[in-house]
Amino acid sequence: MTADDRFHAMTRLGGAVEAPEAQEIDRAETALAPPWMTILHNCDCHTFEEVVHQLMKAIACSEERGWELAHAVHNSGKAVVKVGPEAECVRVGNILASIGLVVTVIQS
């Protein structure tokens, strides 16, 4: 006997009414806010070593990746060093700015 048969039989007999089996509800997709970016700008006021050290501290990158990003900033004038939620990008920006580096945090 299916759930529907039990439901109808109980209803006809005046007994307790069983609730139909729960069905999975299709959930609407939740819209996600666009990620944020932390952009490091070239300022010629810090050594490469200082920038690399601060990048390692801010984004937990390897020294090699820090050098790559520092050279990208130096050669291009700026580079995106973090993409993610707003709070994380602001945190990274604050760490970089704490030694006077020029940083912008924007929504992408």
PDB file of N, CA and C in Angstrom:
ATOM      1  N   MET A   1       0.847  -1.164   0.000  1.00  0.00           N
ATOM      2  CA  MET A   1       0.000   0.000   0.000  1.00  0.00           C
ATOM      3  C   MET A   1       0.902   1.240   0.000  1.00  0.00           C
ATOM      4  N   THR A   2       0.601   2.162  -0.880  1.00  0.00           N
ATOM      5  CA  THR A   2       1.412   3.370  -0.970  1.00  0.00           C
ATOM      6  C   THR A   2       0.981   4.370   0.086  1.00  0.00           C
ATOM      7  N   ALA A   3       1.740   5.412   0.231  1.00  0.00           N
ATOM      8  CA  ALA A   3       1.404   6.459   1.191  1.00  0.00           C
ATOM      9  C   ALA A   3       0.068   7.092   0.841  1.00  0.00           C
ATOM     10  N   ASP A   4      -0.176   7.292  -0.460  1.00  0.00           N
ATOM     11  CA  ASP A   4      -1.455   7.871  -0.881  1.00  0.00           C
ATOM     12  C   ASP A   4      -2.610   6.952  -0.521  1.00  0.00           C
ATOM     13  N   ASP A   5      -2.449   5.625  -0.742  1.00  0.00           N
ATOM     14  CA  ASP A   5      -3.505   4.667  -0.402  1.00  0.00           C
ATOM     15  C   ASP A   5      -3.793   4.703   1.096  1.00  0.00           C
ATOM     16  N   ARG A   6      -2.736   4.745   1.926  1.00  0.00           N
ATOM     17  CA  ARG A   6      -2.920   4.804   3.375  1.00  0.00           C
ATOM     18  C   ARG A   6      -3.642   6.083   3.782  1.00  0.00           C
ATOM     19  N   PHE A   7      -3.251   7.193   3.145  1.00  0.00           N
ATOM     20  CA  PHE A   7      -3.864   8.483   3.437  1.00  0.00           C
ATOM     21  C   PHE A   7      -5.362   8.428   3.146  1.00  0.00           C
ATOM     22  N   HIS A   8      -5.723   7.930   1.952  1.00  0.00           N
ATOM     23  CA  HIS A   8      -7.138   7.882   1.564  1.00  0.00           C
ATOM     24  C   HIS A   8      -7.908   6.876   2.409  1.00  0.00           C
ATOM     25  N   ALA A   9      -7.317   5.726   2.747  1.00  0.00           N
ATOM     26  CA  ALA A   9      -8.001   4.728   3.575  1.00  0.00           C
ATOM     27  C   ALA A   9      -8.270   5.291   4.961  1.00  0.00           C
ATOM     28  N   MET A  10      -7.317   5.954   5.555  1.00  0.00           N
ATOM     29  CA  MET A  10      -7.490   6.512   6.889  1.00  0.00           C
ATOM     30  C   MET A  10      -8.536   7.616   6.868  1.00  0.00           C
ATOM     31  N   THR A  11      -8.568   8.409   5.787  1.00  0.00           N
ATOM     32  CA  THR A  11      -9.533   9.492   5.694  1.00  0.00           C
ATOM     33  C   THR A  11     -10.951   8.927   5.618  1.00  0.00           C
ATOM     34  N   ARG A  12     -11.145   7.863   4.811  1.00  0.00           N
ATOM     35  CA  ARG A  12     -12.472   7.242   4.659  1.00  0.00           C
ATOM     36  C   ARG A  12     -12.941   6.604   5.964  1.00  0.00           C
ATOM     37  N   LEU A  13     -12.010   6.053   6.738  1.00  0.00           N
ATOM     38  CA  LEU A  13     -12.373   5.364   7.966  1.00  0.00           C
ATOM     39  C   LEU A  13     -12.520   6.317   9.145  1.00  0.00           C
ATOM     40  N   GLY A  14     -12.257   7.566   8.918  1.00  0.00           N
ATOM     41  CA  GLY A  14     -12.387   8.548   9.985  1.00  0.00           C
ATOM     42  C   GLY A  14     -11.244   8.499  10.976  1.00  0.00           C
ATOM     43  N   GLY A  15     -10.160   7.828  10.636  1.00  0.00           N
ATOM     44  CA  GLY A  15      -9.006   7.735  11.530  1.00  0.00           C
ATOM     45  C   GLY A  15      -8.120   8.955  11.408  1.00  0.00           C
ATOM     46  N   ALA A  16      -6.987   8.853  12.031  1.00  0.00           N
ATOM     47  CA  ALA A  16      -6.000   9.933  11.977  1.00  0.00           C
ATOM     48  C   ALA A  16      -5.526  10.120  10.543  1.00  0.00           C
ATOM     49  N   VAL A  17      -5.265  11.320  10.196  1.00  0.00           N
ATOM     50  CA  VAL A  17      -4.808  11.632   8.848  1.00  0.00           C
ATOM     51  C   VAL A  17      -3.297  11.710   8.860  1.00  0.00           C
ATOM     52  N   GLU A  18      -2.667  10.902   8.011  1.00  0.00           N
ATOM     53  CA  GLU A  18      -1.218  10.953   7.897  1.00  0.00           C
ATOM     54  C   GLU A  18      -0.829  12.090   6.976  1.00  0.00           C
ATOM     55  N   ALA A  19       0.212  12.736   7.313  1.00  0.00           N
ATOM     56  CA  ALA A  19       0.730  13.769   6.418  1.00  0.00           C
ATOM     57  C   ALA A  19       1.406  13.090   5.248  1.00  0.00           C
ATOM     58  N   PRO A  20       1.232  13.624   4.056  1.00  0.00           N
ATOM     59  CA  PRO A  20       1.941  13.047   2.913  1.00  0.00           C
ATOM     60  C   PRO A  20       3.444  13.111   3.163  1.00  0.00           C
ATOM     61  N   GLU A  21       4.174  12.198   2.522  1.00  0.00           N
ATOM     62  CA  GLU A  21       5.620  12.173   2.700  1.00  0.00           C
ATOM     63  C   GLU A  21       6.222  13.498   2.261  1.00  0.00           C
ATOM     64  N   ALA A  22       7.196  13.941   3.024  1.00  0.00           N
ATOM     65  CA  ALA A  22       7.858  15.203   2.701  1.00  0.00           C
ATOM     66  C   ALA A  22       8.605  15.057   1.393  1.00  0.00           C
ATOM     67  N   GLN A  23       8.543  16.083   0.596  1.00  0.00           N
ATOM     68  CA  GLN A  23       9.271  16.106  -0.663  1.00  0.00           C
ATOM     69  C   GLN A  23      10.348  17.169  -0.574  1.00  0.00           C
ATOM     70  N   GLU A  24      11.435  16.904  -1.244  1.00  0.00           N
ATOM     71  CA  GLU A  24      12.519  17.873  -1.234  1.00  0.00           C
ATOM     72  C   GLU A  24      12.088  19.111  -2.002  1.00  0.00           C
ATOM     73  N   ILE A  25      12.281  20.240  -1.408  1.00  0.00           N
ATOM     74  CA  ILE A  25      11.892  21.495  -2.038  1.00  0.00           C
ATOM     75  C   ILE A  25      13.071  22.013  -2.844  1.00  0.00           C
ATOM     76  N   ASP A  26      12.794  22.390  -4.081  1.00  0.00           N
ATOM     77  CA  ASP A  26      13.842  22.992  -4.889  1.00  0.00           C
ATOM     78  C   ASP A  26      14.156  24.354  -4.299  1.00  0.00           C
ATOM     79  N   ARG A  27      15.405  24.553  -3.993  1.00  0.00           N
ATOM     80  CA  ARG A  27      15.808  25.825  -3.403  1.00  0.00           C
ATOM     81  C   ARG A  27      16.287  26.759  -4.508  1.00  0.00           C
ATOM     82  N   ALA A  28      15.840  27.977  -4.433  1.00  0.00           N
ATOM     83  CA  ALA A  28      16.283  28.977  -5.400  1.00  0.00           C
ATOM     84  C   ALA A  28      17.764  29.230  -5.176  1.00  0.00           C
ATOM     85  N   GLU A  29      18.469  29.470  -6.242  1.00  0.00           N
ATOM     86  CA  GLU A  29      19.888  29.764  -6.112  1.00  0.00           C
ATOM     87  C   GLU A  29      20.050  31.099  -5.397  1.00  0.00           C
ATOM     88  N   THR A  30      20.956  31.131  -4.469  1.00  0.00           N
ATOM     89  CA  THR A  30      21.222  32.353  -3.724  1.00  0.00           C
ATOM     90  C   THR A  30      22.225  33.184  -4.508  1.00  0.00           C
ATOM     91  N   ALA A  31      21.882  34.424  -4.747  1.00  0.00           N
ATOM     92  CA  ALA A  31      22.788  35.308  -5.474  1.00  0.00           C
ATOM     93  C   ALA A  31      23.962  35.665  -4.572  1.00  0.00           C
ATOM     94  N   LEU A  32      25.152  35.541  -5.098  1.00  0.00           N
ATOM     95  CA  LEU A  32      26.360  35.886  -4.347  1.00  0.00           C
ATOM     96  C   LEU A  32      26.858  37.249  -4.786  1.00  0.00           C
ATOM     97  N   ALA A  33      27.291  38.021  -3.845  1.00  0.00           N
ATOM     98  CA  ALA A  33      27.874  39.318  -4.167  1.00  0.00           C
ATOM     99  C   ALA A  33      29.192  39.099  -4.892  1.00  0.00           C
ATOM    100  N   PRO A  34      29.502  39.969  -5.824  1.00  0.00           N
ATOM    101  CA  PRO A  34      30.790  39.835  -6.519  1.00  0.00           C
ATOM    102  C   PRO A  34      31.942  39.913  -5.523  1.00  0.00           C
ATOM    103  N   PRO A  35      33.023  39.223  -5.833  1.00  0.00           N
ATOM    104  CA  PRO A  35      34.169  39.281  -4.908  1.00  0.00           C
ATOM    105  C   PRO A  35      34.822  40.664  -4.907  1.00  0.00           C
ATOM    106  N   TRP A  36      35.624  40.861  -3.910  1.00  0.00           N
ATOM    107  CA  TRP A  36      36.373  42.103  -3.756  1.00  0.00           C
ATOM    108  C   TRP A  36      37.818  41.861  -4.148  1.00  0.00           C
ATOM    109  N   MET A  37      38.548  42.937  -4.382  1.00  0.00           N
ATOM    110  CA  MET A  37      39.963  42.840  -4.762  1.00  0.00           C
ATOM    111  C   MET A  37      40.782  43.800  -3.915  1.00  0.00           C
ATOM    112  N   THR A  38      41.956  43.328  -3.541  1.00  0.00           N
ATOM    113  CA  THR A  38      42.945  44.199  -2.908  1.00  0.00           C
ATOM    114  C   THR A  38      44.018  44.447  -3.959  1.00  0.00           C
ATOM    115  N   ILE A  39      44.226  45.710  -4.274  1.00  0.00           N
ATOM    116  CA  ILE A  39      45.199  46.099  -5.301  1.00  0.00           C
ATOM    117  C   ILE A  39      46.350  46.828  -4.615  1.00  0.00           C
ATOM    118  N   LEU A  40      47.557  46.359  -4.883  1.00  0.00           N
ATOM    119  CA  LEU A  40      48.762  47.001  -4.358  1.00  0.00           C
ATOM    120  C   LEU A  40      49.347  47.873  -5.456  1.00  0.00           C
ATOM    121  N   HIS A  41      49.629  49.141  -5.120  1.00  0.00           N
ATOM    122  CA  HIS A  41      50.156  50.106  -6.095  1.00  0.00           C
ATOM    123  C   HIS A  41      51.650  50.319  -5.868  1.00  0.00           C
ATOM    124  N   ASN A  42      52.350  50.634  -6.930  1.00  0.00           N
ATOM    125  CA  ASN A  42      53.775  50.922  -6.854  1.00  0.00           C
ATOM    126  C   ASN A  42      53.980  52.281  -6.204  1.00  0.00           C
ATOM    127  N   CYS A  43      54.939  52.354  -5.304  1.00  0.00           N
ATOM    128  CA  CYS A  43      55.170  53.644  -4.639  1.00  0.00           C
ATOM    129  C   CYS A  43      56.647  54.035  -4.584  1.00  0.00           C
ATOM    130  N   ASP A  44      57.553  53.155  -4.939  1.00  0.00           N
ATOM    131  CA  ASP A  44      58.994  53.440  -4.912  1.00  0.00           C
ATOM    132  C   ASP A  44      59.486  53.955  -3.561  1.00  0.00           C
ATOM    133  N   CYS A  45      58.727  53.709  -2.498  1.00  0.00           N
ATOM    134  CA  CYS A  45      59.152  54.183  -1.177  1.00  0.00           C
ATOM    135  C   CYS A  45      59.540  53.031  -0.255  1.00  0.00           C
ATOM    136  N   HIS A  46      59.500  51.807  -0.767  1.00  0.00           N
ATOM    137  CA  HIS A  46      59.881  50.631   0.013  1.00  0.00           C
ATOM    138  C   HIS A  46      60.802  49.755  -0.815  1.00  0.00           C
ATOM    139  N   THR A  47      61.640  49.025  -0.142  1.00  0.00           N
ATOM    140  CA  THR A  47      62.497  48.080  -0.850  1.00  0.00           C
ATOM    141  C   THR A  47      61.666  46.870  -1.288  1.00  0.00           C
ATOM    142  N   PHE A  48      62.188  46.146  -2.250  1.00  0.00           N
ATOM    143  CA  PHE A  48      61.524  44.920  -2.676  1.00  0.00           C
ATOM    144  C   PHE A  48      61.383  43.962  -1.486  1.00  0.00           C
ATOM    145  N   GLU A  49      62.431  43.902  -0.682  1.00  0.00           N
ATOM    146  CA  GLU A  49      62.415  43.007   0.473  1.00  0.00           C
ATOM    147  C   GLU A  49      61.281  43.345   1.438  1.00  0.00           C
ATOM    148  N   GLU A  50      61.079  44.645   1.676  1.00  0.00           N
ATOM    149  CA  GLU A  50      59.984  45.065   2.558  1.00  0.00           C
ATOM    150  C   GLU A  50      58.625  44.669   1.984  1.00  0.00           C
ATOM    151  N   VAL A  51      58.454  44.882   0.697  1.00  0.00           N
ATOM    152  CA  VAL A  51      57.186  44.550   0.042  1.00  0.00           C
ATOM    153  C   VAL A  51      56.953  43.040   0.075  1.00  0.00           C
ATOM    154  N   VAL A  52      57.978  42.270  -0.242  1.00  0.00           N
ATOM    155  CA  VAL A  52      57.862  40.806  -0.235  1.00  0.00           C
ATOM    156  C   VAL A  52      57.499  40.321   1.159  1.00  0.00           C
ATOM    157  N   HIS A  53      58.183  40.827   2.178  1.00  0.00           N
ATOM    158  CA  HIS A  53      57.905  40.411   3.560  1.00  0.00           C
ATOM    159  C   HIS A  53      56.452  40.737   3.936  1.00  0.00           C
ATOM    160  N   GLN A  54      55.997  41.927   3.564  1.00  0.00           N
ATOM    161  CA  GLN A  54      54.633  42.329   3.930  1.00  0.00           C
ATOM    162  C   GLN A  54      53.588  41.514   3.159  1.00  0.00           C
ATOM    163  N   LEU A  55      53.880  41.186   1.913  1.00  0.00           N
ATOM    164  CA  LEU A  55      52.966  40.323   1.149  1.00  0.00           C
ATOM    165  C   LEU A  55      52.875  38.939   1.782  1.00  0.00           C
ATOM    166  N   MET A  56      54.003  38.391   2.186  1.00  0.00           N
ATOM    167  CA  MET A  56      54.005  37.081   2.843  1.00  0.00           C
ATOM    168  C   MET A  56      53.145  37.121   4.105  1.00  0.00           C
ATOM    169  N   LYS A  57      53.255  38.207   4.841  1.00  0.00           N
ATOM    170  CA  LYS A  57      52.487  38.372   6.068  1.00  0.00           C
ATOM    171  C   LYS A  57      50.987  38.541   5.762  1.00  0.00           C
ATOM    172  N   ALA A  58      50.671  39.341   4.745  1.00  0.00           N
ATOM    173  CA  ALA A  58      49.276  39.689   4.456  1.00  0.00           C
ATOM    174  C   ALA A  58      48.490  38.567   3.782  1.00  0.00           C
ATOM    175  N   ILE A  59      49.115  37.877   2.834  1.00  0.00           N
ATOM    176  CA  ILE A  59      48.360  36.863   2.071  1.00  0.00           C
ATOM    177  C   ILE A  59      48.898  35.454   2.262  1.00  0.00           C
ATOM    178  N   ALA A  60      49.823  35.299   3.178  1.00  0.00           N
ATOM    179  CA  ALA A  60      50.398  33.980   3.487  1.00  0.00           C
ATOM    180  C   ALA A  60      50.923  33.280   2.236  1.00  0.00           C
ATOM    181  N   CYS A  61      51.641  34.047   1.422  1.00  0.00           N
ATOM    182  CA  CYS A  61      52.219  33.471   0.207  1.00  0.00           C
ATOM    183  C   CYS A  61      53.670  33.071   0.466  1.00  0.00           C
ATOM    184  N   SER A  62      54.210  32.324  -0.465  1.00  0.00           N
ATOM    185  CA  SER A  62      55.618  31.953  -0.371  1.00  0.00           C
ATOM    186  C   SER A  62      56.480  33.172  -0.698  1.00  0.00           C
ATOM    187  N   GLU A  63      57.747  33.082  -0.347  1.00  0.00           N
ATOM    188  CA  GLU A  63      58.651  34.174  -0.691  1.00  0.00           C
ATOM    189  C   GLU A  63      58.741  34.334  -2.203  1.00  0.00           C
ATOM    190  N   GLU A  64      58.767  33.226  -2.910  1.00  0.00           N
ATOM    191  CA  GLU A  64      58.825  33.279  -4.378  1.00  0.00           C
ATOM    192  C   GLU A  64      57.621  34.020  -4.955  1.00  0.00           C
ATOM    193  N   ARG A  65      56.428  33.707  -4.440  1.00  0.00           N
ATOM    194  CA  ARG A  65      55.211  34.384  -4.922  1.00  0.00           C
ATOM    195  C   ARG A  65      55.246  35.860  -4.536  1.00  0.00           C
ATOM    196  N   GLY A  66      55.781  36.170  -3.380  1.00  0.00           N
ATOM    197  CA  GLY A  66      55.928  37.564  -2.961  1.00  0.00           C
ATOM    198  C   GLY A  66      56.799  38.354  -3.927  1.00  0.00           C
ATOM    199  N   TRP A  67      57.910  37.737  -4.361  1.00  0.00           N
ATOM    200  CA  TRP A  67      58.781  38.392  -5.336  1.00  0.00           C
ATOM    201  C   TRP A  67      58.076  38.581  -6.673  1.00  0.00           C
ATOM    202  N   GLU A  68      57.315  37.574  -7.089  1.00  0.00           N
ATOM    203  CA  GLU A  68      56.562  37.691  -8.363  1.00  0.00           C
ATOM    204  C   GLU A  68      55.592  38.868  -8.304  1.00  0.00           C
ATOM    205  N   LEU A  69      54.851  38.962  -7.199  1.00  0.00           N
ATOM    206  CA  LEU A  69      53.887  40.051  -7.066  1.00  0.00           C
ATOM    207  C   LEU A  69      54.584  41.411  -6.958  1.00  0.00           C
ATOM    208  N   ALA A  70      55.680  41.471  -6.209  1.00  0.00           N
ATOM    209  CA  ALA A  70      56.416  42.733  -6.071  1.00  0.00           C
ATOM    210  C   ALA A  70      56.931  43.214  -7.424  1.00  0.00           C
ATOM    211  N   HIS A  71      57.434  42.302  -8.234  1.00  0.00           N
ATOM    212  CA  HIS A  71      57.900  42.679  -9.580  1.00  0.00           C
ATOM    213  C   HIS A  71      56.737  43.094 -10.468  1.00  0.00           C
ATOM    214  N   ALA A  72      55.598  42.424 -10.350  1.00  0.00           N
ATOM    215  CA  ALA A  72      54.419  42.792 -11.138  1.00  0.00           C
ATOM    216  C   ALA A  72      53.970  44.210 -10.776  1.00  0.00           C
ATOM    217  N   VAL A  73      53.960  44.525  -9.490  1.00  0.00           N
ATOM    218  CA  VAL A  73      53.591  45.874  -9.042  1.00  0.00           C
ATOM    219  C   VAL A  73      54.583  46.894  -9.575  1.00  0.00           C
ATOM    220  N   HIS A  74      55.847  46.594  -9.467  1.00  0.00           N
ATOM    221  CA  HIS A  74      56.902  47.505  -9.916  1.00  0.00           C
ATOM    222  C   HIS A  74      56.817  47.745 -11.424  1.00  0.00           C
ATOM    223  N   ASN A  75      56.609  46.686 -12.189  1.00  0.00           N
ATOM    224  CA  ASN A  75      56.611  46.797 -13.653  1.00  0.00           C
ATOM    225  C   ASN A  75      55.298  47.334 -14.224  1.00  0.00           C
ATOM    226  N   SER A  76      54.179  47.031 -13.588  1.00  0.00           N
ATOM    227  CA  SER A  76      52.873  47.441 -14.123  1.00  0.00           C
ATOM    228  C   SER A  76      52.266  48.634 -13.407  1.00  0.00           C
ATOM    229  N   GLY A  77      52.835  49.008 -12.276  1.00  0.00           N
ATOM    230  CA  GLY A  77      52.287  50.118 -11.511  1.00  0.00           C
ATOM    231  C   GLY A  77      51.295  49.673 -10.453  1.00  0.00           C
ATOM    232  N   LYS A  78      50.743  48.483 -10.621  1.00  0.00           N
ATOM    233  CA  LYS A  78      49.816  47.930  -9.628  1.00  0.00           C
ATOM    234  C   LYS A  78      49.569  46.464  -9.956  1.00  0.00           C
ATOM    235  N   ALA A  79      49.059  45.739  -8.957  1.00  0.00           N
ATOM    236  CA  ALA A  79      48.712  44.331  -9.157  1.00  0.00           C
ATOM    237  C   ALA A  79      47.659  43.918  -8.142  1.00  0.00           C
ATOM    238  N   VAL A  80      46.763  43.050  -8.572  1.00  0.00           N
ATOM    239  CA  VAL A  80      45.775  42.474  -7.663  1.00  0.00           C
ATOM    240  C   VAL A  80      46.500  41.422  -6.838  1.00  0.00           C
ATOM    241  N   VAL A  81      46.460  41.577  -5.520  1.00  0.00           N
ATOM    242  CA  VAL A  81      47.159  40.631  -4.646  1.00  0.00           C
ATOM    243  C   VAL A  81      46.200  39.737  -3.865  1.00  0.00           C
ATOM    244  N   LYS A  82      44.896  40.081  -3.880  1.00  0.00           N
ATOM    245  CA  LYS A  82      43.907  39.257  -3.182  1.00  0.00           C
ATOM    246  C   LYS A  82      42.541  39.459  -3.828  1.00  0.00           C
ATOM    247  N   VAL A  83      41.820  38.359  -4.049  1.00  0.00           N
ATOM    248  CA  VAL A  83      40.430  38.401  -4.490  1.00  0.00           C
ATOM    249  C   VAL A  83      39.644  37.538  -3.524  1.00  0.00           C
ATOM    250  N   GLY A  84      38.566  38.083  -2.980  1.00  0.00           N
ATOM    251  CA  GLY A  84      37.789  37.314  -2.011  1.00  0.00           C
ATOM    252  C   GLY A  84      36.699  38.152  -1.385  1.00  0.00           C
ATOM    253  N   PRO A  85      36.183  37.697  -0.254  1.00  0.00           N
ATOM    254  CA  PRO A  85      35.156  38.459   0.454  1.00  0.00           C
ATOM    255  C   PRO A  85      35.696  39.813   0.912  1.00  0.00           C
ATOM    256  N   GLU A  86      34.802  40.756   1.071  1.00  0.00           N
ATOM    257  CA  GLU A  86      35.191  42.111   1.446  1.00  0.00           C
ATOM    258  C   GLU A  86      36.052  42.142   2.704  1.00  0.00           C
ATOM    259  N   ALA A  87      35.627  41.453   3.744  1.00  0.00           N
ATOM    260  CA  ALA A  87      36.364  41.503   5.016  1.00  0.00           C
ATOM    261  C   ALA A  87      37.793  40.995   4.859  1.00  0.00           C
ATOM    262  N   GLU A  88      37.973  39.956   4.085  1.00  0.00           N
ATOM    263  CA  GLU A  88      39.317  39.400   3.888  1.00  0.00           C
ATOM    264  C   GLU A  88      40.189  40.365   3.085  1.00  0.00           C
ATOM    265  N   CYS A  89      39.616  40.978   2.054  1.00  0.00           N
ATOM    266  CA  CYS A  89      40.389  41.930   1.247  1.00  0.00           C
ATOM    267  C   CYS A  89      40.750  43.176   2.053  1.00  0.00           C
ATOM    268  N   VAL A  90      39.856  43.620   2.906  1.00  0.00           N
ATOM    269  CA  VAL A  90      40.151  44.767   3.772  1.00  0.00           C
ATOM    270  C   VAL A  90      41.252  44.395   4.761  1.00  0.00           C
ATOM    271  N   ARG A  91      41.178  43.186   5.319  1.00  0.00           N
ATOM    272  CA  ARG A  91      42.217  42.733   6.257  1.00  0.00           C
ATOM    273  C   ARG A  91      43.584  42.754   5.588  1.00  0.00           C
ATOM    274  N   VAL A  92      43.665  42.213   4.364  1.00  0.00           N
ATOM    275  CA  VAL A  92      44.923  42.193   3.615  1.00  0.00           C
ATOM    276  C   VAL A  92      45.390  43.616   3.344  1.00  0.00           C
ATOM    277  N   GLY A  93      44.471  44.478   2.920  1.00  0.00           N
ATOM    278  CA  GLY A  93      44.822  45.876   2.652  1.00  0.00           C
ATOM    279  C   GLY A  93      45.364  46.583   3.874  1.00  0.00           C
ATOM    280  N   ASN A  94      44.776  46.309   5.027  1.00  0.00           N
ATOM    281  CA  ASN A  94      45.244  46.946   6.264  1.00  0.00           C
ATOM    282  C   ASN A  94      46.652  46.492   6.634  1.00  0.00           C
ATOM    283  N   ILE A  95      46.943  45.225   6.432  1.00  0.00           N
ATOM    284  CA  ILE A  95      48.293  44.718   6.736  1.00  0.00           C
ATOM    285  C   ILE A  95      49.313  45.373   5.804  1.00  0.00           C
ATOM    286  N   LEU A  96      48.987  45.445   4.524  1.00  0.00           N
ATOM    287  CA  LEU A  96      49.916  46.060   3.570  1.00  0.00           C
ATOM    288  C   LEU A  96      50.088  47.550   3.868  1.00  0.00           C
ATOM    289  N   ALA A  97      48.991  48.232   4.174  1.00  0.00           N
ATOM    290  CA  ALA A  97      49.041  49.675   4.432  1.00  0.00           C
ATOM    291  C   ALA A  97      49.722  50.007   5.755  1.00  0.00           C
ATOM    292  N   SER A  98      49.822  49.038   6.654  1.00  0.00           N
ATOM    293  CA  SER A  98      50.411  49.313   7.962  1.00  0.00           C
ATOM    294  C   SER A  98      51.866  49.754   7.891  1.00  0.00           C
ATOM    295  N   ILE A  99      52.548  49.460   6.793  1.00  0.00           N
ATOM    296  CA  ILE A  99      53.923  49.952   6.631  1.00  0.00           C
ATOM    297  C   ILE A  99      53.991  51.075   5.593  1.00  0.00           C
ATOM    298  N   GLY A 100      52.838  51.585   5.183  1.00  0.00           N
ATOM    299  CA  GLY A 100      52.805  52.713   4.257  1.00  0.00           C
ATOM    300  C   GLY A 100      52.674  52.351   2.794  1.00  0.00           C
ATOM    301  N   LEU A 101      52.416  51.079   2.495  1.00  0.00           N
ATOM    302  CA  LEU A 101      52.195  50.714   1.103  1.00  0.00           C
ATOM    303  C   LEU A 101      50.853  51.292   0.641  1.00  0.00           C
ATOM    304  N   VAL A 102      50.765  51.604  -0.640  1.00  0.00           N
ATOM    305  CA  VAL A 102      49.546  52.186  -1.207  1.00  0.00           C
ATOM    306  C   VAL A 102      48.653  51.057  -1.697  1.00  0.00           C
ATOM    307  N   VAL A 103      47.418  51.020  -1.177  1.00  0.00           N
ATOM    308  CA  VAL A 103      46.508  49.908  -1.424  1.00  0.00           C
ATOM    309  C   VAL A 103      45.119  50.447  -1.745  1.00  0.00           C
ATOM    310  N   THR A 104      44.422  49.740  -2.630  1.00  0.00           N
ATOM    311  CA  THR A 104      43.019  50.023  -2.895  1.00  0.00           C
ATOM    312  C   THR A 104      42.245  48.731  -2.728  1.00  0.00           C
ATOM    313  N   VAL A 105      41.093  48.801  -2.071  1.00  0.00           N
ATOM    314  CA  VAL A 105      40.202  47.653  -1.945  1.00  0.00           C
ATOM    315  C   VAL A 105      38.896  48.030  -2.634  1.00  0.00           C
ATOM    316  N   ILE A 106      38.549  47.271  -3.679  1.00  0.00           N
ATOM    317  CA  ILE A 106      37.346  47.583  -4.446  1.00  0.00           C
ATOM    318  C   ILE A 106      36.553  46.311  -4.746  1.00  0.00           C
ATOM    319  N   GLN A 107      35.264  46.507  -5.022  1.00  0.00           N
ATOM    320  CA  GLN A 107      34.435  45.379  -5.437  1.00  0.00           C
ATOM    321  C   GLN A 107      34.666  45.164  -6.924  1.00  0.00           C
ATOM    322  N   SER A 108      34.870  43.894  -7.297  1.00  0.00           N
ATOM    323  CA  SER A 108      35.166  43.610  -8.714  1.00  0.00           C
ATOM    324  C   SER A 108      33.903  43.432  -9.509  1.00  0.00           C
TER     325      SER A 108
END
